[in-house]
């Protein structure tokens, strides 16, 4: 097993693929995961794509953990995850309960909340 701290608790229950996440995520069954951990590219367009696809994979009541929300290695907003994470949270605000927002963002998918009408 690889020495990766993000995987130490799941041991053999994880699958490691060396492919682009956008390709892999679209092949997985929708609404079939209880937990998704997003830690990939730091480029905002890639992050946004990963989040939308990962969200579709979660069951209602599933948990999405998004890594690197506070990562700041560059001043260019297109090369950091935060703008994409915030855009995702704005668009999907009626479908989750925020559990944490620090270096990571943790969201609980809650589709009953989605029935709240959006104010324009």
PDB file of N, CA and C in Angstrom:
ATOM      1  N   UNK A   1       0.845  -1.189   0.000  1.00  0.00           N
ATOM      2  CA  UNK A   1       0.000   0.000   0.000  1.00  0.00           C
ATOM      3  C   UNK A   1       0.878   1.236   0.000  1.00  0.00           C
ATOM      4  N   UNK A   2       0.449   2.251  -0.730  1.00  0.00           N
ATOM      5  CA  UNK A   2       1.189   3.509  -0.776  1.00  0.00           C
ATOM      6  C   UNK A   2       1.201   4.159   0.605  1.00  0.00           C
ATOM      7  N   UNK A   3       2.218   4.955   0.883  1.00  0.00           N
ATOM      8  CA  UNK A   3       2.283   5.687   2.137  1.00  0.00           C
ATOM      9  C   UNK A   3       1.618   7.046   1.936  1.00  0.00           C
ATOM     10  N   UNK A   4       0.310   7.097   2.033  1.00  0.00           N
ATOM     11  CA  UNK A   4      -0.461   8.312   1.824  1.00  0.00           C
ATOM     12  C   UNK A   4      -1.354   8.516   3.034  1.00  0.00           C
ATOM     13  N   UNK A   5      -1.125   9.600   3.783  1.00  0.00           N
ATOM     14  CA  UNK A   5      -1.869   9.850   5.016  1.00  0.00           C
ATOM     15  C   UNK A   5      -3.365   9.956   4.778  1.00  0.00           C
ATOM     16  N   UNK A   6      -3.791  10.394   3.597  1.00  0.00           N
ATOM     17  CA  UNK A   6      -5.217  10.519   3.313  1.00  0.00           C
ATOM     18  C   UNK A   6      -5.913   9.169   3.211  1.00  0.00           C
ATOM     19  N   UNK A   7      -5.171   8.098   3.093  1.00  0.00           N
ATOM     20  CA  UNK A   7      -5.770   6.775   2.911  1.00  0.00           C
ATOM     21  C   UNK A   7      -5.548   5.847   4.097  1.00  0.00           C
ATOM     22  N   UNK A   8      -4.905   6.301   5.151  1.00  0.00           N
ATOM     23  CA  UNK A   8      -4.527   5.401   6.237  1.00  0.00           C
ATOM     24  C   UNK A   8      -5.714   4.754   6.937  1.00  0.00           C
ATOM     25  N   UNK A   9      -6.847   5.400   6.978  1.00  0.00           N
ATOM     26  CA  UNK A   9      -7.999   4.855   7.687  1.00  0.00           C
ATOM     27  C   UNK A   9      -8.819   3.893   6.842  1.00  0.00           C
ATOM     28  N   UNK A  10      -8.665   3.924   5.538  1.00  0.00           N
ATOM     29  CA  UNK A  10      -9.498   3.078   4.685  1.00  0.00           C
ATOM     30  C   UNK A  10      -8.814   1.810   4.220  1.00  0.00           C
ATOM     31  N   UNK A  11      -7.510   1.715   4.359  1.00  0.00           N
ATOM     32  CA  UNK A  11      -6.714   0.536   4.022  1.00  0.00           C
ATOM     33  C   UNK A  11      -7.120  -0.062   2.678  1.00  0.00           C
ATOM     34  N   UNK A  12      -7.648  -1.273   2.684  1.00  0.00           N
ATOM     35  CA  UNK A  12      -7.956  -1.975   1.443  1.00  0.00           C
ATOM     36  C   UNK A  12      -9.286  -1.540   0.826  1.00  0.00           C
ATOM     37  N   UNK A  13     -10.016  -0.646   1.448  1.00  0.00           N
ATOM     38  CA  UNK A  13     -11.331  -0.263   0.936  1.00  0.00           C
ATOM     39  C   UNK A  13     -11.261   0.894  -0.056  1.00  0.00           C
ATOM     40  N   UNK A  14     -10.111   1.211  -0.543  1.00  0.00           N
ATOM     41  CA  UNK A  14      -9.993   2.290  -1.517  1.00  0.00           C
ATOM     42  C   UNK A  14      -9.425   1.729  -2.817  1.00  0.00           C
ATOM     43  N   UNK A  15      -9.650   2.485  -3.869  1.00  0.00           N
ATOM     44  CA  UNK A  15      -9.134   2.105  -5.186  1.00  0.00           C
ATOM     45  C   UNK A  15      -8.305   3.274  -5.695  1.00  0.00           C
ATOM     46  N   UNK A  16      -7.090   2.993  -6.111  1.00  0.00           N
ATOM     47  CA  UNK A  16      -6.213   4.033  -6.638  1.00  0.00           C
ATOM     48  C   UNK A  16      -6.124   3.877  -8.145  1.00  0.00           C
ATOM     49  N   UNK A  17      -6.444   4.951  -8.855  1.00  0.00           N
ATOM     50  CA  UNK A  17      -6.359   4.948 -10.309  1.00  0.00           C
ATOM     51  C   UNK A  17      -5.463   6.090 -10.744  1.00  0.00           C
ATOM     52  N   UNK A  18      -4.608   5.825 -11.717  1.00  0.00           N
ATOM     53  CA  UNK A  18      -3.763   6.885 -12.261  1.00  0.00           C
ATOM     54  C   UNK A  18      -4.352   7.274 -13.609  1.00  0.00           C
ATOM     55  N   UNK A  19      -5.425   8.041 -13.531  1.00  0.00           N
ATOM     56  CA  UNK A  19      -6.152   8.532 -14.697  1.00  0.00           C
ATOM     57  C   UNK A  19      -6.653   9.926 -14.366  1.00  0.00           C
ATOM     58  N   UNK A  20      -7.173  10.628 -15.338  1.00  0.00           N
ATOM     59  CA  UNK A  20      -7.784  11.920 -15.064  1.00  0.00           C
ATOM     60  C   UNK A  20      -9.125  11.688 -14.368  1.00  0.00           C
ATOM     61  N   UNK A  21      -9.351  12.422 -13.291  1.00  0.00           N
ATOM     62  CA  UNK A  21     -10.567  12.214 -12.506  1.00  0.00           C
ATOM     63  C   UNK A  21     -11.828  12.441 -13.328  1.00  0.00           C
ATOM     64  N   UNK A  22     -11.827  13.406 -14.231  1.00  0.00           N
ATOM     65  CA  UNK A  22     -13.013  13.669 -15.056  1.00  0.00           C
ATOM     66  C   UNK A  22     -13.397  12.440 -15.871  1.00  0.00           C
ATOM     67  N   UNK A  23     -12.407  11.657 -16.280  1.00  0.00           N
ATOM     68  CA  UNK A  23     -12.686  10.435 -17.038  1.00  0.00           C
ATOM     69  C   UNK A  23     -13.230   9.337 -16.133  1.00  0.00           C
ATOM     70  N   UNK A  24     -12.634   9.186 -14.959  1.00  0.00           N
ATOM     71  CA  UNK A  24     -13.015   8.101 -14.050  1.00  0.00           C
ATOM     72  C   UNK A  24     -14.368   8.366 -13.405  1.00  0.00           C
ATOM     73  N   UNK A  25     -14.590   9.570 -12.917  1.00  0.00           N
ATOM     74  CA  UNK A  25     -15.814   9.858 -12.171  1.00  0.00           C
ATOM     75  C   UNK A  25     -17.067   9.634 -13.009  1.00  0.00           C
ATOM     76  N   UNK A  26     -17.005   9.926 -14.291  1.00  0.00           N
ATOM     77  CA  UNK A  26     -18.207   9.758 -15.120  1.00  0.00           C
ATOM     78  C   UNK A  26     -18.541   8.293 -15.392  1.00  0.00           C
ATOM     79  N   UNK A  27     -17.642   7.382 -15.062  1.00  0.00           N
ATOM     80  CA  UNK A  27     -17.908   5.954 -15.278  1.00  0.00           C
ATOM     81  C   UNK A  27     -18.526   5.290 -14.054  1.00  0.00           C
ATOM     82  N   UNK A  28     -18.581   5.988 -12.926  1.00  0.00           N
ATOM     83  CA  UNK A  28     -19.078   5.408 -11.679  1.00  0.00           C
ATOM     84  C   UNK A  28     -20.587   5.581 -11.558  1.00  0.00           C
ATOM     85  N   UNK A  29     -21.201   4.717 -10.787  1.00  0.00           N
ATOM     86  CA  UNK A  29     -22.654   4.727 -10.635  1.00  0.00           C
ATOM     87  C   UNK A  29     -23.121   5.929  -9.811  1.00  0.00           C
ATOM     88  N   UNK A  30     -24.103   6.631 -10.347  1.00  0.00           N
ATOM     89  CA  UNK A  30     -24.657   7.808  -9.671  1.00  0.00           C
ATOM     90  C   UNK A  30     -25.327   7.417  -8.360  1.00  0.00           C
ATOM     91  N   UNK A  31     -25.250   8.310  -7.390  1.00  0.00           N
ATOM     92  CA  UNK A  31     -25.905   8.145  -6.079  1.00  0.00           C
ATOM     93  C   UNK A  31     -25.577   6.798  -5.432  1.00  0.00           C
ATOM     94  N   UNK A  32     -24.313   6.389  -5.515  1.00  0.00           N
ATOM     95  CA  UNK A  32     -23.930   5.085  -4.963  1.00  0.00           C
ATOM     96  C   UNK A  32     -22.860   5.177  -3.882  1.00  0.00           C
ATOM     97  N   UNK A  33     -22.428   6.381  -3.531  1.00  0.00           N
ATOM     98  CA  UNK A  33     -21.351   6.553  -2.554  1.00  0.00           C
ATOM     99  C   UNK A  33     -21.859   7.274  -1.309  1.00  0.00           C
ATOM    100  N   UNK A  34     -21.378   6.819  -0.155  1.00  0.00           N
ATOM    101  CA  UNK A  34     -21.680   7.478   1.115  1.00  0.00           C
ATOM    102  C   UNK A  34     -20.673   8.584   1.420  1.00  0.00           C
ATOM    103  N   UNK A  35     -19.486   8.478   0.822  1.00  0.00           N
ATOM    104  CA  UNK A  35     -18.387   9.392   1.150  1.00  0.00           C
ATOM    105  C   UNK A  35     -17.524   9.592  -0.093  1.00  0.00           C
ATOM    106  N   UNK A  36     -17.230  10.846  -0.403  1.00  0.00           N
ATOM    107  CA  UNK A  36     -16.309  11.169  -1.495  1.00  0.00           C
ATOM    108  C   UNK A  36     -15.321  12.206  -0.977  1.00  0.00           C
ATOM    109  N   UNK A  37     -14.037  11.949  -1.214  1.00  0.00           N
ATOM    110  CA  UNK A  37     -12.959  12.842  -0.806  1.00  0.00           C
ATOM    111  C   UNK A  37     -12.314  13.391  -2.075  1.00  0.00           C
ATOM    112  N   UNK A  38     -12.409  14.704  -2.280  1.00  0.00           N
ATOM    113  CA  UNK A  38     -11.854  15.322  -3.482  1.00  0.00           C
ATOM    114  C   UNK A  38     -10.542  16.004  -3.126  1.00  0.00           C
ATOM    115  N   UNK A  39      -9.455  15.488  -3.698  1.00  0.00           N
ATOM    116  CA  UNK A  39      -8.120  16.036  -3.495  1.00  0.00           C
ATOM    117  C   UNK A  39      -7.350  15.766  -4.777  1.00  0.00           C
ATOM    118  N   UNK A  40      -7.438  16.692  -5.718  1.00  0.00           N
ATOM    119  CA  UNK A  40      -6.804  16.460  -7.012  1.00  0.00           C
ATOM    120  C   UNK A  40      -6.108  17.710  -7.510  1.00  0.00           C
ATOM    121  N   UNK A  41      -6.379  18.051  -8.726  1.00  0.00           N
ATOM    122  CA  UNK A  41      -5.804  19.235  -9.351  1.00  0.00           C
ATOM    123  C   UNK A  41      -6.166  20.483  -8.556  1.00  0.00           C
ATOM    124  N   UNK A  42      -5.297  21.462  -8.573  1.00  0.00           N
ATOM    125  CA  UNK A  42      -5.586  22.742  -7.934  1.00  0.00           C
ATOM    126  C   UNK A  42      -6.085  23.786  -8.923  1.00  0.00           C
ATOM    127  N   UNK A  43      -6.184  23.445 -10.185  1.00  0.00           N
ATOM    128  CA  UNK A  43      -6.688  24.378 -11.192  1.00  0.00           C
ATOM    129  C   UNK A  43      -8.197  24.512 -11.042  1.00  0.00           C
ATOM    130  N   UNK A  44      -8.686  25.737 -10.926  1.00  0.00           N
ATOM    131  CA  UNK A  44     -10.102  25.973 -10.648  1.00  0.00           C
ATOM    132  C   UNK A  44     -11.046  25.242 -11.607  1.00  0.00           C
ATOM    133  N   UNK A  45     -10.812  25.257 -12.921  1.00  0.00           N
ATOM    134  CA  UNK A  45     -11.738  24.526 -13.804  1.00  0.00           C
ATOM    135  C   UNK A  45     -11.766  23.020 -13.515  1.00  0.00           C
ATOM    136  N   UNK A  46     -10.627  22.438 -13.209  1.00  0.00           N
ATOM    137  CA  UNK A  46     -10.571  21.006 -12.871  1.00  0.00           C
ATOM    138  C   UNK A  46     -11.314  20.721 -11.576  1.00  0.00           C
ATOM    139  N   UNK A  47     -11.117  21.572 -10.589  1.00  0.00           N
ATOM    140  CA  UNK A  47     -11.764  21.396  -9.289  1.00  0.00           C
ATOM    141  C   UNK A  47     -13.282  21.467  -9.450  1.00  0.00           C
ATOM    142  N   UNK A  48     -13.763  22.431 -10.195  1.00  0.00           N
ATOM    143  CA  UNK A  48     -15.209  22.577 -10.384  1.00  0.00           C
ATOM    144  C   UNK A  48     -15.792  21.340 -11.075  1.00  0.00           C
ATOM    145  N   UNK A  49     -15.112  20.846 -12.083  1.00  0.00           N
ATOM    146  CA  UNK A  49     -15.564  19.628 -12.770  1.00  0.00           C
ATOM    147  C   UNK A  49     -15.608  18.453 -11.802  1.00  0.00           C
ATOM    148  N   UNK A  50     -14.546  18.286 -11.011  1.00  0.00           N
ATOM    149  CA  UNK A  50     -14.498  17.187 -10.039  1.00  0.00           C
ATOM    150  C   UNK A  50     -15.643  17.285  -9.034  1.00  0.00           C
ATOM    151  N   UNK A  51     -15.920  18.481  -8.552  1.00  0.00           N
ATOM    152  CA  UNK A  51     -16.956  18.650  -7.539  1.00  0.00           C
ATOM    153  C   UNK A  51     -18.342  18.328  -8.075  1.00  0.00           C
ATOM    154  N   UNK A  52     -18.646  18.807  -9.270  1.00  0.00           N
ATOM    155  CA  UNK A  52     -19.960  18.532  -9.858  1.00  0.00           C
ATOM    156  C   UNK A  52     -20.126  17.030 -10.091  1.00  0.00           C
ATOM    157  N   UNK A  53     -19.097  16.393 -10.610  1.00  0.00           N
ATOM    158  CA  UNK A  53     -19.189  14.952 -10.849  1.00  0.00           C
ATOM    159  C   UNK A  53     -19.243  14.166  -9.542  1.00  0.00           C
ATOM    160  N   UNK A  54     -18.447  14.560  -8.565  1.00  0.00           N
ATOM    161  CA  UNK A  54     -18.442  13.869  -7.277  1.00  0.00           C
ATOM    162  C   UNK A  54     -19.788  14.013  -6.577  1.00  0.00           C
ATOM    163  N   UNK A  55     -20.386  15.178  -6.660  1.00  0.00           N
ATOM    164  CA  UNK A  55     -21.682  15.425  -6.028  1.00  0.00           C
ATOM    165  C   UNK A  55     -22.740  14.476  -6.578  1.00  0.00           C
ATOM    166  N   UNK A  56     -22.693  14.246  -7.870  1.00  0.00           N
ATOM    167  CA  UNK A  56     -23.643  13.356  -8.524  1.00  0.00           C
ATOM    168  C   UNK A  56     -23.480  11.909  -8.045  1.00  0.00           C
ATOM    169  N   UNK A  57     -22.294  11.549  -7.576  1.00  0.00           N
ATOM    170  CA  UNK A  57     -22.034  10.190  -7.102  1.00  0.00           C
ATOM    171  C   UNK A  57     -22.543   9.942  -5.687  1.00  0.00           C
ATOM    172  N   UNK A  58     -22.729  11.005  -4.913  1.00  0.00           N
ATOM    173  CA  UNK A  58     -23.122  10.861  -3.509  1.00  0.00           C
ATOM    174  C   UNK A  58     -24.592  10.514  -3.355  1.00  0.00           C
ATOM    175  N   UNK A  59     -24.863   9.625  -2.401  1.00  0.00           N
ATOM    176  CA  UNK A  59     -26.228   9.359  -1.990  1.00  0.00           C
ATOM    177  C   UNK A  59     -26.723  10.541  -1.162  1.00  0.00           C
ATOM    178  N   UNK A  60     -28.032  10.687  -1.041  1.00  0.00           N
ATOM    179  CA  UNK A  60     -28.577  11.654  -0.097  1.00  0.00           C
ATOM    180  C   UNK A  60     -28.108  11.232   1.288  1.00  0.00           C
ATOM    181  N   UNK A  61     -27.566  12.154   2.045  1.00  0.00           N
ATOM    182  CA  UNK A  61     -26.985  11.853   3.349  1.00  0.00           C
ATOM    183  C   UNK A  61     -25.504  11.538   3.281  1.00  0.00           C
ATOM    184  N   UNK A  62     -24.946  11.531   2.063  1.00  0.00           N
ATOM    185  CA  UNK A  62     -23.522  11.289   1.890  1.00  0.00           C
ATOM    186  C   UNK A  62     -22.697  12.509   2.247  1.00  0.00           C
ATOM    187  N   UNK A  63     -21.417  12.286   2.465  1.00  0.00           N
ATOM    188  CA  UNK A  63     -20.504  13.353   2.877  1.00  0.00           C
ATOM    189  C   UNK A  63     -19.459  13.595   1.794  1.00  0.00           C
ATOM    190  N   UNK A  64     -19.282  14.863   1.446  1.00  0.00           N
ATOM    191  CA  UNK A  64     -18.252  15.284   0.496  1.00  0.00           C
ATOM    192  C   UNK A  64     -17.199  16.067   1.258  1.00  0.00           C
ATOM    193  N   UNK A  65     -15.961  15.604   1.191  1.00  0.00           N
ATOM    194  CA  UNK A  65     -14.842  16.321   1.791  1.00  0.00           C
ATOM    195  C   UNK A  65     -14.015  16.894   0.642  1.00  0.00           C
ATOM    196  N   UNK A  66     -13.805  18.193   0.690  1.00  0.00           N
ATOM    197  CA  UNK A  66     -13.053  18.896  -0.355  1.00  0.00           C
ATOM    198  C   UNK A  66     -11.768  19.413   0.276  1.00  0.00           C
ATOM    199  N   UNK A  67     -10.647  18.936  -0.216  1.00  0.00           N
ATOM    200  CA  UNK A  67      -9.360  19.323   0.336  1.00  0.00           C
ATOM    201  C   UNK A  67      -8.856  20.610  -0.319  1.00  0.00           C
ATOM    202  N   UNK A  68      -7.957  21.274   0.356  1.00  0.00           N
ATOM    203  CA  UNK A  68      -7.192  22.417  -0.174  1.00  0.00           C
ATOM    204  C   UNK A  68      -7.988  23.698  -0.372  1.00  0.00           C
ATOM    205  N   UNK A  69      -9.073  23.875   0.371  1.00  0.00           N
ATOM    206  CA  UNK A  69      -9.854  25.112   0.270  1.00  0.00           C
ATOM    207  C   UNK A  69      -8.987  26.337   0.580  1.00  0.00           C
ATOM    208  N   UNK A  70      -8.106  26.230   1.540  1.00  0.00           N
ATOM    209  CA  UNK A  70      -7.278  27.364   1.952  1.00  0.00           C
ATOM    210  C   UNK A  70      -5.892  27.355   1.314  1.00  0.00           C
ATOM    211  N   UNK A  71      -5.665  26.493   0.330  1.00  0.00           N
ATOM    212  CA  UNK A  71      -4.359  26.382  -0.335  1.00  0.00           C
ATOM    213  C   UNK A  71      -4.075  27.656  -1.120  1.00  0.00           C
ATOM    214  N   UNK A  72      -2.901  28.264  -0.895  1.00  0.00           N
ATOM    215  CA  UNK A  72      -2.557  29.532  -1.554  1.00  0.00           C
ATOM    216  C   UNK A  72      -1.107  29.527  -2.001  1.00  0.00           C
ATOM    217  N   UNK A  73      -0.806  28.867  -3.068  1.00  0.00           N
ATOM    218  CA  UNK A  73       0.566  28.868  -3.561  1.00  0.00           C
ATOM    219  C   UNK A  73       0.755  29.888  -4.677  1.00  0.00           C
ATOM    220  N   UNK A  74      -0.336  30.475  -5.129  1.00  0.00           N
ATOM    221  CA  UNK A  74      -0.277  31.424  -6.227  1.00  0.00           C
ATOM    222  C   UNK A  74      -1.367  32.474  -6.061  1.00  0.00           C
ATOM    223  N   UNK A  75      -1.187  33.618  -6.677  1.00  0.00           N
ATOM    224  CA  UNK A  75      -2.207  34.676  -6.597  1.00  0.00           C
ATOM    225  C   UNK A  75      -3.232  34.587  -7.723  1.00  0.00           C
ATOM    226  N   UNK A  76      -2.961  33.792  -8.733  1.00  0.00           N
ATOM    227  CA  UNK A  76      -3.880  33.646  -9.859  1.00  0.00           C
ATOM    228  C   UNK A  76      -5.073  32.794  -9.422  1.00  0.00           C
ATOM    229  N   UNK A  77      -6.290  33.355  -9.379  1.00  0.00           N
ATOM    230  CA  UNK A  77      -7.436  32.601  -8.880  1.00  0.00           C
ATOM    231  C   UNK A  77      -7.779  31.365  -9.717  1.00  0.00           C
ATOM    232  N   UNK A  78      -7.348  31.331 -10.955  1.00  0.00           N
ATOM    233  CA  UNK A  78      -7.632  30.160 -11.783  1.00  0.00           C
ATOM    234  C   UNK A  78      -6.702  28.989 -11.492  1.00  0.00           C
ATOM    235  N   UNK A  79      -5.668  29.237 -10.683  1.00  0.00           N
ATOM    236  CA  UNK A  79      -4.745  28.160 -10.334  1.00  0.00           C
ATOM    237  C   UNK A  79      -4.834  27.794  -8.858  1.00  0.00           C
ATOM    238  N   UNK A  80      -5.973  28.107  -8.240  1.00  0.00           N
ATOM    239  CA  UNK A  80      -6.232  27.720  -6.854  1.00  0.00           C
ATOM    240  C   UNK A  80      -7.637  27.114  -6.756  1.00  0.00           C
ATOM    241  N   UNK A  81      -7.852  26.198  -5.838  1.00  0.00           N
ATOM    242  CA  UNK A  81      -9.150  25.528  -5.719  1.00  0.00           C
ATOM    243  C   UNK A  81     -10.282  26.411  -5.189  1.00  0.00           C
ATOM    244  N   UNK A  82      -9.962  27.393  -4.354  1.00  0.00           N
ATOM    245  CA  UNK A  82     -10.995  28.139  -3.620  1.00  0.00           C
ATOM    246  C   UNK A  82     -12.099  28.748  -4.493  1.00  0.00           C
ATOM    247  N   UNK A  83     -11.794  29.438  -5.603  1.00  0.00           N
ATOM    248  CA  UNK A  83     -12.891  30.011  -6.402  1.00  0.00           C
ATOM    249  C   UNK A  83     -13.845  28.950  -6.944  1.00  0.00           C
ATOM    250  N   UNK A  84     -13.322  27.803  -7.312  1.00  0.00           N
ATOM    251  CA  UNK A  84     -14.173  26.722  -7.822  1.00  0.00           C
ATOM    252  C   UNK A  84     -15.034  26.141  -6.704  1.00  0.00           C
ATOM    253  N   UNK A  85     -14.450  25.980  -5.533  1.00  0.00           N
ATOM    254  CA  UNK A  85     -15.198  25.446  -4.389  1.00  0.00           C
ATOM    255  C   UNK A  85     -16.327  26.403  -4.025  1.00  0.00           C
ATOM    256  N   UNK A  86     -16.032  27.694  -3.993  1.00  0.00           N
ATOM    257  CA  UNK A  86     -17.065  28.670  -3.662  1.00  0.00           C
ATOM    258  C   UNK A  86     -18.141  28.746  -4.738  1.00  0.00           C
ATOM    259  N   UNK A  87     -17.771  28.625  -5.994  1.00  0.00           N
ATOM    260  CA  UNK A  87     -18.759  28.608  -7.077  1.00  0.00           C
ATOM    261  C   UNK A  87     -19.674  27.390  -6.931  1.00  0.00           C
ATOM    262  N   UNK A  88     -19.081  26.242  -6.669  1.00  0.00           N
ATOM    263  CA  UNK A  88     -19.872  25.025  -6.460  1.00  0.00           C
ATOM    264  C   UNK A  88     -20.848  25.217  -5.301  1.00  0.00           C
ATOM    265  N   UNK A  89     -20.352  25.741  -4.187  1.00  0.00           N
ATOM    266  CA  UNK A  89     -21.192  25.925  -3.007  1.00  0.00           C
ATOM    267  C   UNK A  89     -22.319  26.919  -3.265  1.00  0.00           C
ATOM    268  N   UNK A  90     -22.080  27.909  -4.090  1.00  0.00           N
ATOM    269  CA  UNK A  90     -23.119  28.880  -4.434  1.00  0.00           C
ATOM    270  C   UNK A  90     -24.214  28.227  -5.273  1.00  0.00           C
ATOM    271  N   UNK A  91     -23.821  27.468  -6.273  1.00  0.00           N
ATOM    272  CA  UNK A  91     -24.792  26.839  -7.176  1.00  0.00           C
ATOM    273  C   UNK A  91     -25.596  25.750  -6.468  1.00  0.00           C
ATOM    274  N   UNK A  92     -24.953  24.979  -5.603  1.00  0.00           N
ATOM    275  CA  UNK A  92     -25.602  23.837  -4.953  1.00  0.00           C
ATOM    276  C   UNK A  92     -26.032  24.132  -3.517  1.00  0.00           C
ATOM    277  N   UNK A  93     -26.104  25.410  -3.140  1.00  0.00           N
ATOM    278  CA  UNK A  93     -26.347  25.784  -1.746  1.00  0.00           C
ATOM    279  C   UNK A  93     -27.592  25.134  -1.137  1.00  0.00           C
ATOM    280  N   UNK A  94     -28.593  24.855  -1.937  1.00  0.00           N
ATOM    281  CA  UNK A  94     -29.841  24.297  -1.410  1.00  0.00           C
ATOM    282  C   UNK A  94     -29.792  22.784  -1.247  1.00  0.00           C
ATOM    283  N   UNK A  95     -28.648  22.167  -1.540  1.00  0.00           N
ATOM    284  CA  UNK A  95     -28.566  20.708  -1.502  1.00  0.00           C
ATOM    285  C   UNK A  95     -27.607  20.180  -0.443  1.00  0.00           C
ATOM    286  N   UNK A  96     -27.129  21.017   0.441  1.00  0.00           N
ATOM    287  CA  UNK A  96     -26.179  20.531   1.443  1.00  0.00           C
ATOM    288  C   UNK A  96     -26.301  21.286   2.753  1.00  0.00           C
ATOM    289  N   UNK A  97     -25.742  20.668   3.768  1.00  0.00           N
ATOM    290  CA  UNK A  97     -25.514  21.314   5.052  1.00  0.00           C
ATOM    291  C   UNK A  97     -24.005  21.356   5.219  1.00  0.00           C
ATOM    292  N   UNK A  98     -23.475  22.546   5.467  1.00  0.00           N
ATOM    293  CA  UNK A  98     -22.030  22.685   5.645  1.00  0.00           C
ATOM    294  C   UNK A  98     -21.646  22.229   7.050  1.00  0.00           C
ATOM    295  N   UNK A  99     -20.727  21.277   7.119  1.00  0.00           N
ATOM    296  CA  UNK A  99     -20.268  20.765   8.406  1.00  0.00           C
ATOM    297  C   UNK A  99     -18.956  21.402   8.848  1.00  0.00           C
ATOM    298  N   UNK A 100     -18.156  21.840   7.881  1.00  0.00           N
ATOM    299  CA  UNK A 100     -16.833  22.407   8.193  1.00  0.00           C
ATOM    300  C   UNK A 100     -16.385  23.283   7.038  1.00  0.00           C
ATOM    301  N   UNK A 101     -15.703  24.378   7.362  1.00  0.00           N
ATOM    302  CA  UNK A 101     -15.017  25.177   6.353  1.00  0.00           C
ATOM    303  C   UNK A 101     -13.759  25.731   6.998  1.00  0.00           C
ATOM    304  N   UNK A 102     -12.655  25.075   6.698  1.00  0.00           N
ATOM    305  CA  UNK A 102     -11.338  25.458   7.173  1.00  0.00           C
ATOM    306  C   UNK A 102     -10.375  25.198   6.031  1.00  0.00           C
ATOM    307  N   UNK A 103      -9.344  24.425   6.288  1.00  0.00           N
ATOM    308  CA  UNK A 103      -8.477  24.040   5.178  1.00  0.00           C
ATOM    309  C   UNK A 103      -9.234  23.096   4.247  1.00  0.00           C
ATOM    310  N   UNK A 104     -10.142  22.343   4.836  1.00  0.00           N
ATOM    311  CA  UNK A 104     -11.043  21.494   4.067  1.00  0.00           C
ATOM    312  C   UNK A 104     -12.466  22.006   4.230  1.00  0.00           C
ATOM    313  N   UNK A 105     -13.302  21.691   3.250  1.00  0.00           N
ATOM    314  CA  UNK A 105     -14.730  21.952   3.338  1.00  0.00           C
ATOM    315  C   UNK A 105     -15.414  20.593   3.403  1.00  0.00           C
ATOM    316  N   UNK A 106     -16.347  20.455   4.339  1.00  0.00           N
ATOM    317  CA  UNK A 106     -17.087  19.204   4.478  1.00  0.00           C
ATOM    318  C   UNK A 106     -18.573  19.509   4.356  1.00  0.00           C
ATOM    319  N   UNK A 107     -19.211  18.831   3.393  1.00  0.00           N
ATOM    320  CA  UNK A 107     -20.620  19.058   3.105  1.00  0.00           C
ATOM    321  C   UNK A 107     -21.399  17.758   3.255  1.00  0.00           C
ATOM    322  N   UNK A 108     -22.570  17.856   3.860  1.00  0.00           N
ATOM    323  CA  UNK A 108     -23.501  16.743   3.976  1.00  0.00           C
ATOM    324  C   UNK A 108     -24.580  16.956   2.925  1.00  0.00           C
ATOM    325  N   UNK A 109     -24.694  16.025   1.994  1.00  0.00           N
ATOM    326  CA  UNK A 109     -25.705  16.144   0.939  1.00  0.00           C
ATOM    327  C   UNK A 109     -27.074  15.927   1.552  1.00  0.00           C
ATOM    328  N   UNK A 110     -27.938  16.890   1.322  1.00  0.00           N
ATOM    329  CA  UNK A 110     -29.258  16.878   1.945  1.00  0.00           C
ATOM    330  C   UNK A 110     -30.271  17.334   0.909  1.00  0.00           C
ATOM    331  N   UNK A 111     -30.810  16.387   0.146  1.00  0.00           N
ATOM    332  CA  UNK A 111     -31.685  16.735  -0.966  1.00  0.00           C
ATOM    333  C   UNK A 111     -33.026  17.302  -0.529  1.00  0.00           C
ATOM    334  N   UNK A 112     -33.488  16.990   0.686  1.00  0.00           N
ATOM    335  CA  UNK A 112     -34.735  17.591   1.145  1.00  0.00           C
ATOM    336  C   UNK A 112     -34.607  19.098   1.247  1.00  0.00           C
ATOM    337  N   UNK A 113     -33.408  19.563   1.555  1.00  0.00           N
ATOM    338  CA  UNK A 113     -33.167  20.993   1.617  1.00  0.00           C
ATOM    339  C   UNK A 113     -33.324  21.637   0.230  1.00  0.00           C
ATOM    340  N   UNK A 114     -33.172  20.849  -0.831  1.00  0.00           N
ATOM    341  CA  UNK A 114     -33.235  21.362  -2.203  1.00  0.00           C
ATOM    342  C   UNK A 114     -34.634  21.853  -2.563  1.00  0.00           C
ATOM    343  N   UNK A 115     -35.643  21.534  -1.767  1.00  0.00           N
ATOM    344  CA  UNK A 115     -36.995  21.979  -2.078  1.00  0.00           C
ATOM    345  C   UNK A 115     -37.226  23.439  -1.694  1.00  0.00           C
ATOM    346  N   UNK A 116     -36.283  24.040  -0.991  1.00  0.00           N
ATOM    347  CA  UNK A 116     -36.386  25.452  -0.630  1.00  0.00           C
ATOM    348  C   UNK A 116     -36.215  26.289  -1.890  1.00  0.00           C
ATOM    349  N   UNK A 117     -37.182  27.170  -2.223  1.00  0.00           N
ATOM    350  CA  UNK A 117     -37.041  27.950  -3.454  1.00  0.00           C
ATOM    351  C   UNK A 117     -35.870  28.917  -3.372  1.00  0.00           C
ATOM    352  N   UNK A 118     -35.195  29.077  -4.493  1.00  0.00           N
ATOM    353  CA  UNK A 118     -34.055  29.982  -4.570  1.00  0.00           C
ATOM    354  C   UNK A 118     -34.544  31.399  -4.788  1.00  0.00           C
ATOM    355  N   UNK A 119     -33.983  32.329  -4.052  1.00  0.00           N
ATOM    356  CA  UNK A 119     -34.325  33.739  -4.220  1.00  0.00           C
ATOM    357  C   UNK A 119     -33.396  34.366  -5.251  1.00  0.00           C
ATOM    358  N   UNK A 120     -33.957  35.083  -6.169  1.00  0.00           N
ATOM    359  CA  UNK A 120     -33.147  35.771  -7.182  1.00  0.00           C
ATOM    360  C   UNK A 120     -33.070  37.247  -6.892  1.00  0.00           C
TER     361      UNK A 120
END
